Amino acid sequence: MEYYDIFGRNNFYLEMQDHGFPEQRTVNRELLRLSKDLSLPLVATTTFIILSGSMQIFRMYYCAFKLVRALTPLAG
Protein backbone atom coordinates (compact mmCIF):
# COMPACT_ATOMS: atom_id res chain seq x y z
CA MET A 1 0.00 0.00 0.00
CA GLU A 2 3.06 2.25 -0.14
CA TYR A 3 2.22 3.52 -3.64
CA TYR A 4 -1.41 4.01 -2.60
CA ASP A 5 -0.21 6.22 0.24
CA ILE A 6 2.14 8.14 -2.07
CA PHE A 7 -0.30 8.74 -4.94
CA GLY A 8 -3.55 8.91 -3.00
CA ARG A 9 -6.94 7.27 -3.33
CA ASN A 10 -7.92 8.83 -6.66
CA ASN A 11 -4.56 8.25 -8.35
CA PHE A 12 -3.80 4.56 -7.76
CA TYR A 13 -5.15 1.65 -9.79
CA LEU A 14 -4.46 -2.05 -10.16
CA GLU A 15 -3.74 -2.95 -13.79
CA MET A 16 -4.56 -6.26 -15.39
CA GLN A 17 -3.66 -7.52 -18.86
CA ASP A 18 -4.30 -10.72 -20.77
CA HIS A 19 -1.80 -11.89 -23.35
CA GLY A 20 -3.00 -15.47 -23.31
CA PHE A 21 -0.56 -16.86 -20.74
CA PRO A 22 -2.12 -19.20 -18.16
CA GLU A 23 -0.06 -17.49 -15.44
CA GLN A 24 -1.59 -14.14 -16.33
CA ARG A 25 -5.08 -15.51 -15.83
CA THR A 26 -4.06 -16.67 -12.35
CA VAL A 27 -2.61 -13.27 -11.52
CA ASN A 28 -5.67 -11.49 -12.94
CA ARG A 29 -7.94 -13.48 -10.63
CA GLU A 30 -5.80 -12.39 -7.68
CA LEU A 31 -5.82 -8.77 -8.88
CA LEU A 32 -9.61 -8.90 -9.04
CA ARG A 33 -9.72 -10.28 -5.49
CA LEU A 34 -7.29 -7.62 -4.24
CA SER A 35 -9.30 -4.92 -5.96
CA LYS A 36 -12.42 -6.01 -4.10
CA ASP A 37 -10.72 -6.71 -0.75
CA LEU A 38 -8.82 -3.41 -0.67
CA SER A 39 -11.42 -1.28 -2.51
CA LEU A 40 -8.88 -0.35 -5.19
CA PRO A 41 -10.01 0.49 -8.73
CA LEU A 42 -9.05 -2.03 -11.40
CA VAL A 43 -8.23 -1.18 -15.01
CA ALA A 44 -7.75 -3.55 -17.94
CA THR A 45 -5.09 -2.53 -20.46
CA THR A 46 -3.24 -4.06 -23.34
CA THR A 47 0.18 -3.70 -24.85
CA PHE A 48 0.28 -4.06 -28.60
CA ILE A 49 3.76 -4.89 -29.82
CA ILE A 50 4.50 -6.86 -32.97
CA LEU A 51 7.76 -8.78 -32.82
CA SER A 52 9.45 -11.11 -35.23
CA GLY A 53 9.24 -14.82 -34.41
CA SER A 54 12.63 -15.11 -32.72
CA MET A 55 11.95 -12.07 -30.50
CA GLN A 56 8.60 -13.29 -29.21
CA ILE A 57 10.19 -15.63 -26.66
CA PHE A 58 12.16 -12.71 -25.19
CA ARG A 59 8.96 -10.70 -24.90
CA MET A 60 7.28 -13.60 -23.08
CA TYR A 61 10.15 -13.86 -20.57
CA TYR A 62 10.17 -10.10 -20.11
CA CYS A 63 6.43 -10.07 -19.33
CA ALA A 64 6.84 -12.96 -16.90
CA PHE A 65 9.73 -11.18 -15.17
CA LYS A 66 7.69 -7.98 -14.80
CA LEU A 67 4.79 -9.95 -13.40
CA VAL A 68 6.88 -11.77 -10.81
CA ARG A 69 8.64 -8.55 -9.84
CA ALA A 70 5.31 -6.75 -9.40
CA LEU A 71 3.97 -9.49 -7.15
CA THR A 72 7.08 -9.89 -5.02
CA PRO A 73 7.09 -7.69 -1.93
CA LEU A 74 10.01 -5.29 -1.70
CA ALA A 75 12.51 -6.14 1.03
CA GLY A 76 12.84 -3.59 3.82
PDB file of N, CA and C in Angstrom:
ATOM      1  N   MET A   1       0.822  -1.202   0.000  1.00  0.00           N
ATOM      2  CA  MET A   1       0.000   0.000   0.000  1.00  0.00           C
ATOM      3  C   MET A   1       0.861   1.258   0.000  1.00  0.00           C
ATOM      4  N   GLU A   2       2.167   1.098  -0.122  1.00  0.00           N
ATOM      5  CA  GLU A   2       3.064   2.250  -0.141  1.00  0.00           C
ATOM      6  C   GLU A   2       2.731   3.200  -1.292  1.00  0.00           C
ATOM      7  N   TYR A   3       2.532   2.657  -2.492  1.00  0.00           N
ATOM      8  CA  TYR A   3       2.216   3.515  -3.641  1.00  0.00           C
ATOM      9  C   TYR A   3       0.846   4.160  -3.477  1.00  0.00           C
ATOM     10  N   TYR A   4      -0.081   3.455  -2.874  1.00  0.00           N
ATOM     11  CA  TYR A   4      -1.409   4.012  -2.602  1.00  0.00           C
ATOM     12  C   TYR A   4      -1.266   5.232  -1.704  1.00  0.00           C
ATOM     13  N   ASP A   5      -0.432   5.106  -0.675  1.00  0.00           N
ATOM     14  CA  ASP A   5      -0.208   6.224   0.235  1.00  0.00           C
ATOM     15  C   ASP A   5       0.484   7.392  -0.467  1.00  0.00           C
ATOM     16  N   ILE A   6       1.406   7.089  -1.359  1.00  0.00           N
ATOM     17  CA  ILE A   6       2.142   8.136  -2.072  1.00  0.00           C
ATOM     18  C   ILE A   6       1.233   8.873  -3.056  1.00  0.00           C
ATOM     19  N   PHE A   7       0.494   8.125  -3.871  1.00  0.00           N
ATOM     20  CA  PHE A   7      -0.296   8.736  -4.940  1.00  0.00           C
ATOM     21  C   PHE A   7      -1.690   9.153  -4.514  1.00  0.00           C
ATOM     22  N   GLY A   8      -2.226   8.551  -3.479  1.00  0.00           N
ATOM     23  CA  GLY A   8      -3.553   8.911  -2.999  1.00  0.00           C
ATOM     24  C   GLY A   8      -4.660   8.088  -3.622  1.00  0.00           C
ATOM     25  N   ARG A   9      -5.797   8.113  -2.974  1.00  0.00           N
ATOM     26  CA  ARG A   9      -6.937   7.268  -3.335  1.00  0.00           C
ATOM     27  C   ARG A   9      -7.375   7.420  -4.789  1.00  0.00           C
ATOM     28  N   ASN A  10      -7.403   8.610  -5.312  1.00  0.00           N
ATOM     29  CA  ASN A  10      -7.924   8.828  -6.664  1.00  0.00           C
ATOM     30  C   ASN A  10      -6.859   8.711  -7.748  1.00  0.00           C
ATOM     31  N   ASN A  11      -5.658   8.311  -7.384  1.00  0.00           N
ATOM     32  CA  ASN A  11      -4.564   8.250  -8.348  1.00  0.00           C
ATOM     33  C   ASN A  11      -3.846   6.911  -8.369  1.00  0.00           C
ATOM     34  N   PHE A  12      -4.440   5.875  -7.812  1.00  0.00           N
ATOM     35  CA  PHE A  12      -3.796   4.565  -7.756  1.00  0.00           C
ATOM     36  C   PHE A  12      -4.766   3.502  -8.243  1.00  0.00           C
ATOM     37  N   TYR A  13      -4.322   2.692  -9.190  1.00  0.00           N
ATOM     38  CA  TYR A  13      -5.153   1.651  -9.789  1.00  0.00           C
ATOM     39  C   TYR A  13      -4.364   0.351  -9.869  1.00  0.00           C
ATOM     40  N   LEU A  14      -5.067  -0.761  -9.841  1.00  0.00           N
ATOM     41  CA  LEU A  14      -4.462  -2.048 -10.165  1.00  0.00           C
ATOM     42  C   LEU A  14      -4.687  -2.285 -11.650  1.00  0.00           C
ATOM     43  N   GLU A  15      -3.657  -2.738 -12.341  1.00  0.00           N
ATOM     44  CA  GLU A  15      -3.736  -2.949 -13.786  1.00  0.00           C
ATOM     45  C   GLU A  15      -3.689  -4.439 -14.100  1.00  0.00           C
ATOM     46  N   MET A  16      -4.590  -4.869 -14.942  1.00  0.00           N
ATOM     47  CA  MET A  16      -4.562  -6.259 -15.395  1.00  0.00           C
ATOM     48  C   MET A  16      -4.490  -6.296 -16.914  1.00  0.00           C
ATOM     49  N   GLN A  17      -3.786  -7.304 -17.419  1.00  0.00           N
ATOM     50  CA  GLN A  17      -3.658  -7.520 -18.857  1.00  0.00           C
ATOM     51  C   GLN A  17      -3.862  -9.004 -19.137  1.00  0.00           C
ATOM     52  N   ASP A  18      -4.180  -9.319 -20.369  1.00  0.00           N
ATOM     53  CA  ASP A  18      -4.302 -10.724 -20.765  1.00  0.00           C
ATOM     54  C   ASP A  18      -3.640 -10.912 -22.128  1.00  0.00           C
ATOM     55  N   HIS A  19      -2.510 -11.583 -22.113  1.00  0.00           N
ATOM     56  CA  HIS A  19      -1.804 -11.891 -23.349  1.00  0.00           C
ATOM     57  C   HIS A  19      -1.865 -13.383 -23.653  1.00  0.00           C
ATOM     58  N   GLY A  20      -2.792 -14.072 -23.006  1.00  0.00           N
ATOM     59  CA  GLY A  20      -3.002 -15.475 -23.307  1.00  0.00           C
ATOM     60  C   GLY A  20      -2.156 -16.450 -22.509  1.00  0.00           C
ATOM     61  N   PHE A  21      -1.371 -15.969 -21.559  1.00  0.00           N
ATOM     62  CA  PHE A  21      -0.559 -16.859 -20.737  1.00  0.00           C
ATOM     63  C   PHE A  21      -1.393 -17.370 -19.571  1.00  0.00           C
ATOM     64  N   PRO A  22      -1.352 -18.669 -19.291  1.00  0.00           N
ATOM     65  CA  PRO A  22      -2.116 -19.198 -18.157  1.00  0.00           C
ATOM     66  C   PRO A  22      -1.759 -18.499 -16.845  1.00  0.00           C
ATOM     67  N   GLU A  23      -0.494 -18.148 -16.671  1.00  0.00           N
ATOM     68  CA  GLU A  23      -0.062 -17.485 -15.437  1.00  0.00           C
ATOM     69  C   GLU A  23      -0.714 -16.109 -15.280  1.00  0.00           C
ATOM     70  N   GLN A  24      -0.939 -15.444 -16.394  1.00  0.00           N
ATOM     71  CA  GLN A  24      -1.589 -14.142 -16.335  1.00  0.00           C
ATOM     72  C   GLN A  24      -3.023 -14.266 -15.870  1.00  0.00           C
ATOM     73  N   ARG A  25      -3.688 -15.303 -16.285  1.00  0.00           N
ATOM     74  CA  ARG A  25      -5.075 -15.506 -15.832  1.00  0.00           C
ATOM     75  C   ARG A  25      -5.112 -15.705 -14.319  1.00  0.00           C
ATOM     76  N   THR A  26      -4.146 -16.457 -13.796  1.00  0.00           N
ATOM     77  CA  THR A  26      -4.062 -16.674 -12.349  1.00  0.00           C
ATOM     78  C   THR A  26      -3.838 -15.345 -11.629  1.00  0.00           C
ATOM     79  N   VAL A  27      -2.909 -14.572 -12.130  1.00  0.00           N
ATOM     80  CA  VAL A  27      -2.613 -13.274 -11.520  1.00  0.00           C
ATOM     81  C   VAL A  27      -3.819 -12.345 -11.634  1.00  0.00           C
ATOM     82  N   ASN A  28      -4.498 -12.349 -12.768  1.00  0.00           N
ATOM     83  CA  ASN A  28      -5.669 -11.487 -12.936  1.00  0.00           C
ATOM     84  C   ASN A  28      -6.768 -11.823 -11.943  1.00  0.00           C
ATOM     85  N   ARG A  29      -6.953 -13.107 -11.656  1.00  0.00           N
ATOM     86  CA  ARG A  29      -7.942 -13.484 -10.634  1.00  0.00           C
ATOM     87  C   ARG A  29      -7.556 -12.901  -9.277  1.00  0.00           C
ATOM     88  N   GLU A  30      -6.266 -12.947  -8.955  1.00  0.00           N
ATOM     89  CA  GLU A  30      -5.800 -12.387  -7.683  1.00  0.00           C
ATOM     90  C   GLU A  30      -5.930 -10.861  -7.669  1.00  0.00           C
ATOM     91  N   LEU A  31      -5.647 -10.222  -8.802  1.00  0.00           N
ATOM     92  CA  LEU A  31      -5.819  -8.773  -8.880  1.00  0.00           C
ATOM     93  C   LEU A  31      -7.282  -8.384  -8.671  1.00  0.00           C
ATOM     94  N   LEU A  32      -8.188  -9.156  -9.235  1.00  0.00           N
ATOM     95  CA  LEU A  32      -9.606  -8.902  -9.045  1.00  0.00           C
ATOM     96  C   LEU A  32      -9.978  -9.039  -7.568  1.00  0.00           C
ATOM     97  N   ARG A  33      -9.454 -10.080  -6.923  1.00  0.00           N
ATOM     98  CA  ARG A  33      -9.718 -10.282  -5.491  1.00  0.00           C
ATOM     99  C   ARG A  33      -9.148  -9.128  -4.668  1.00  0.00           C
ATOM    100  N   LEU A  34      -7.902  -8.732  -4.964  1.00  0.00           N
ATOM    101  CA  LEU A  34      -7.288  -7.619  -4.242  1.00  0.00           C
ATOM    102  C   LEU A  34      -8.072  -6.328  -4.448  1.00  0.00           C
ATOM    103  N   SER A  35      -8.521  -6.109  -5.669  1.00  0.00           N
ATOM    104  CA  SER A  35      -9.303  -4.918  -5.962  1.00  0.00           C
ATOM    105  C   SER A  35     -10.541  -4.850  -5.078  1.00  0.00           C
ATOM    106  N   LYS A  36     -11.217  -5.970  -4.942  1.00  0.00           N
ATOM    107  CA  LYS A  36     -12.419  -6.010  -4.098  1.00  0.00           C
ATOM    108  C   LYS A  36     -12.070  -5.900  -2.618  1.00  0.00           C
ATOM    109  N   ASP A  37     -11.083  -6.679  -2.173  1.00  0.00           N
ATOM    110  CA  ASP A  37     -10.721  -6.708  -0.749  1.00  0.00           C
ATOM    111  C   ASP A  37     -10.206  -5.368  -0.248  1.00  0.00           C
ATOM    112  N   LEU A  38      -9.445  -4.655  -1.090  1.00  0.00           N
ATOM    113  CA  LEU A  38      -8.818  -3.407  -0.674  1.00  0.00           C
ATOM    114  C   LEU A  38      -9.530  -2.167  -1.213  1.00  0.00           C
ATOM    115  N   SER A  39     -10.644  -2.382  -1.915  1.00  0.00           N
ATOM    116  CA  SER A  39     -11.415  -1.278  -2.511  1.00  0.00           C
ATOM    117  C   SER A  39     -10.543  -0.402  -3.406  1.00  0.00           C
ATOM    118  N   LEU A  40      -9.734  -1.058  -4.244  1.00  0.00           N
ATOM    119  CA  LEU A  40      -8.881  -0.348  -5.194  1.00  0.00           C
ATOM    120  C   LEU A  40      -9.467  -0.488  -6.593  1.00  0.00           C
ATOM    121  N   PRO A  41      -9.481   0.592  -7.370  1.00  0.00           N
ATOM    122  CA  PRO A  41     -10.006   0.489  -8.735  1.00  0.00           C
ATOM    123  C   PRO A  41      -9.117  -0.402  -9.595  1.00  0.00           C
ATOM    124  N   LEU A  42      -9.738  -1.098 -10.512  1.00  0.00           N
ATOM    125  CA  LEU A  42      -9.048  -2.031 -11.399  1.00  0.00           C
ATOM    126  C   LEU A  42      -9.239  -1.570 -12.840  1.00  0.00           C
ATOM    127  N   VAL A  43      -8.150  -1.544 -13.601  1.00  0.00           N
ATOM    128  CA  VAL A  43      -8.234  -1.184 -15.013  1.00  0.00           C
ATOM    129  C   VAL A  43      -7.660  -2.310 -15.846  1.00  0.00           C
ATOM    130  N   ALA A  44      -8.251  -2.539 -17.003  1.00  0.00           N
ATOM    131  CA  ALA A  44      -7.749  -3.546 -17.944  1.00  0.00           C
ATOM    132  C   ALA A  44      -7.080  -2.793 -19.088  1.00  0.00           C
ATOM    133  N   THR A  45      -5.842  -3.181 -19.393  1.00  0.00           N
ATOM    134  CA  THR A  45      -5.095  -2.529 -20.462  1.00  0.00           C
ATOM    135  C   THR A  45      -4.491  -3.592 -21.361  1.00  0.00           C
ATOM    136  N   THR A  46      -3.915  -3.144 -22.436  1.00  0.00           N
ATOM    137  CA  THR A  46      -3.238  -4.060 -23.339  1.00  0.00           C
ATOM    138  C   THR A  46      -1.998  -3.387 -23.895  1.00  0.00           C
ATOM    139  N   THR A  47      -1.025  -4.179 -24.202  1.00  0.00           N
ATOM    140  CA  THR A  47       0.181  -3.701 -24.854  1.00  0.00           C
ATOM    141  C   THR A  47       0.204  -4.336 -26.229  1.00  0.00           C
ATOM    142  N   PHE A  48       0.306  -3.538 -27.241  1.00  0.00           N
ATOM    143  CA  PHE A  48       0.282  -4.059 -28.603  1.00  0.00           C
ATOM    144  C   PHE A  48       1.656  -3.869 -29.218  1.00  0.00           C
ATOM    145  N   ILE A  49       2.416  -4.935 -29.249  1.00  0.00           N
ATOM    146  CA  ILE A  49       3.755  -4.894 -29.825  1.00  0.00           C
ATOM    147  C   ILE A  49       3.885  -6.072 -30.773  1.00  0.00           C
ATOM    148  N   ILE A  50       4.292  -5.798 -31.995  1.00  0.00           N
ATOM    149  CA  ILE A  50       4.504  -6.862 -32.969  1.00  0.00           C
ATOM    150  C   ILE A  50       6.001  -7.142 -33.038  1.00  0.00           C
ATOM    151  N   LEU A  51       6.361  -8.381 -32.778  1.00  0.00           N
ATOM    152  CA  LEU A  51       7.762  -8.784 -32.816  1.00  0.00           C
ATOM    153  C   LEU A  51       7.949  -9.893 -33.827  1.00  0.00           C
ATOM    154  N   SER A  52       9.151 -10.000 -34.344  1.00  0.00           N
ATOM    155  CA  SER A  52       9.449 -11.110 -35.235  1.00  0.00           C
ATOM    156  C   SER A  52       9.465 -12.401 -34.428  1.00  0.00           C
ATOM    157  N   GLY A  53       9.354 -13.526 -35.078  1.00  0.00           N
ATOM    158  CA  GLY A  53       9.242 -14.818 -34.413  1.00  0.00           C
ATOM    159  C   GLY A  53      10.304 -15.082 -33.368  1.00  0.00           C
ATOM    160  N   SER A  54      11.569 -14.810 -33.670  1.00  0.00           N
ATOM    161  CA  SER A  54      12.632 -15.110 -32.717  1.00  0.00           C
ATOM    162  C   SER A  54      12.609 -14.188 -31.509  1.00  0.00           C
ATOM    163  N   MET A  55      12.000 -13.017 -31.616  1.00  0.00           N
ATOM    164  CA  MET A  55      11.952 -12.073 -30.503  1.00  0.00           C
ATOM    165  C   MET A  55      10.767 -12.317 -29.574  1.00  0.00           C
ATOM    166  N   GLN A  56       9.785 -13.079 -30.020  1.00  0.00           N
ATOM    167  CA  GLN A  56       8.595 -13.292 -29.206  1.00  0.00           C
ATOM    168  C   GLN A  56       8.913 -13.999 -27.894  1.00  0.00           C
ATOM    169  N   ILE A  57       9.845 -14.918 -27.897  1.00  0.00           N
ATOM    170  CA  ILE A  57      10.192 -15.630 -26.663  1.00  0.00           C
ATOM    171  C   ILE A  57      10.797 -14.673 -25.650  1.00  0.00           C
ATOM    172  N   PHE A  58      11.598 -13.706 -26.109  1.00  0.00           N
ATOM    173  CA  PHE A  58      12.159 -12.713 -25.186  1.00  0.00           C
ATOM    174  C   PHE A  58      11.070 -11.841 -24.588  1.00  0.00           C
ATOM    175  N   ARG A  59      10.088 -11.488 -25.396  1.00  0.00           N
ATOM    176  CA  ARG A  59       8.958 -10.702 -24.898  1.00  0.00           C
ATOM    177  C   ARG A  59       8.195 -11.483 -23.835  1.00  0.00           C
ATOM    178  N   MET A  60       7.990 -12.773 -24.056  1.00  0.00           N
ATOM    179  CA  MET A  60       7.278 -13.602 -23.085  1.00  0.00           C
ATOM    180  C   MET A  60       8.034 -13.629 -21.751  1.00  0.00           C
ATOM    181  N   TYR A  61       9.353 -13.839 -21.808  1.00  0.00           N
ATOM    182  CA  TYR A  61      10.149 -13.860 -20.575  1.00  0.00           C
ATOM    183  C   TYR A  61      10.145 -12.494 -19.892  1.00  0.00           C
ATOM    184  N   TYR A  62      10.197 -11.438 -20.664  1.00  0.00           N
ATOM    185  CA  TYR A  62      10.171 -10.096 -20.106  1.00  0.00           C
ATOM    186  C   TYR A  62       8.852  -9.853 -19.370  1.00  0.00           C
ATOM    187  N   CYS A  63       7.741 -10.230 -19.981  1.00  0.00           N
ATOM    188  CA  CYS A  63       6.430 -10.070 -19.333  1.00  0.00           C
ATOM    189  C   CYS A  63       6.351 -10.891 -18.057  1.00  0.00           C
ATOM    190  N   ALA A  64       6.859 -12.103 -18.101  1.00  0.00           N
ATOM    191  CA  ALA A  64       6.837 -12.959 -16.904  1.00  0.00           C
ATOM    192  C   ALA A  64       7.690 -12.344 -15.801  1.00  0.00           C
ATOM    193  N   PHE A  65       8.852 -11.818 -16.154  1.00  0.00           N
ATOM    194  CA  PHE A  65       9.726 -11.184 -15.172  1.00  0.00           C
ATOM    195  C   PHE A  65       9.033  -9.995 -14.522  1.00  0.00           C
ATOM    196  N   LYS A  66       8.400  -9.144 -15.337  1.00  0.00           N
ATOM    197  CA  LYS A  66       7.694  -7.983 -14.796  1.00  0.00           C
ATOM    198  C   LYS A  66       6.580  -8.415 -13.860  1.00  0.00           C
ATOM    199  N   LEU A  67       5.882  -9.465 -14.210  1.00  0.00           N
ATOM    200  CA  LEU A  67       4.787  -9.952 -13.400  1.00  0.00           C
ATOM    201  C   LEU A  67       5.280 -10.451 -12.053  1.00  0.00           C
ATOM    202  N   VAL A  68       6.321 -11.255 -12.060  1.00  0.00           N
ATOM    203  CA  VAL A  68       6.882 -11.771 -10.806  1.00  0.00           C
ATOM    204  C   VAL A  68       7.403 -10.623  -9.957  1.00  0.00           C
ATOM    205  N   ARG A  69       8.094  -9.693 -10.582  1.00  0.00           N
ATOM    206  CA  ARG A  69       8.641  -8.554  -9.837  1.00  0.00           C
ATOM    207  C   ARG A  69       7.523  -7.724  -9.214  1.00  0.00           C
ATOM    208  N   ALA A  70       6.440  -7.544  -9.917  1.00  0.00           N
ATOM    209  CA  ALA A  70       5.312  -6.753  -9.401  1.00  0.00           C
ATOM    210  C   ALA A  70       4.632  -7.440  -8.234  1.00  0.00           C
ATOM    211  N   LEU A  71       4.657  -8.748  -8.207  1.00  0.00           N
ATOM    212  CA  LEU A  71       3.969  -9.487  -7.152  1.00  0.00           C
ATOM    213  C   LEU A  71       4.860  -9.834  -5.975  1.00  0.00           C
ATOM    214  N   THR A  72       6.142  -9.578  -6.092  1.00  0.00           N
ATOM    215  CA  THR A  72       7.085  -9.889  -5.024  1.00  0.00           C
ATOM    216  C   THR A  72       7.233  -8.670  -4.120  1.00  0.00           C
ATOM    217  N   PRO A  73       6.940  -8.831  -2.836  1.00  0.00           N
ATOM    218  CA  PRO A  73       7.087  -7.686  -1.926  1.00  0.00           C
ATOM    219  C   PRO A  73       8.530  -7.188  -1.896  1.00  0.00           C
ATOM    220  N   LEU A  74       8.673  -5.879  -1.796  1.00  0.00           N
ATOM    221  CA  LEU A  74      10.011  -5.290  -1.702  1.00  0.00           C
ATOM    222  C   LEU A  74      10.583  -5.566  -0.320  1.00  0.00           C
ATOM    223  N   ALA A  75      11.848  -5.894  -0.250  1.00  0.00           N
ATOM    224  CA  ALA A  75      12.510  -6.143   1.035  1.00  0.00           C
ATOM    225  C   ALA A  75      12.763  -4.815   1.718  1.00  0.00           C
ATOM    226  N   GLY A  76      12.530  -4.799   3.027  1.00  0.00           N
ATOM    227  CA  GLY A  76      12.839  -3.590   3.820  1.00  0.00           C
ATOM    228  C   GLY A  76      11.764  -2.623   3.675  1.00  0.00           C
TER     229      GLY A  76
END
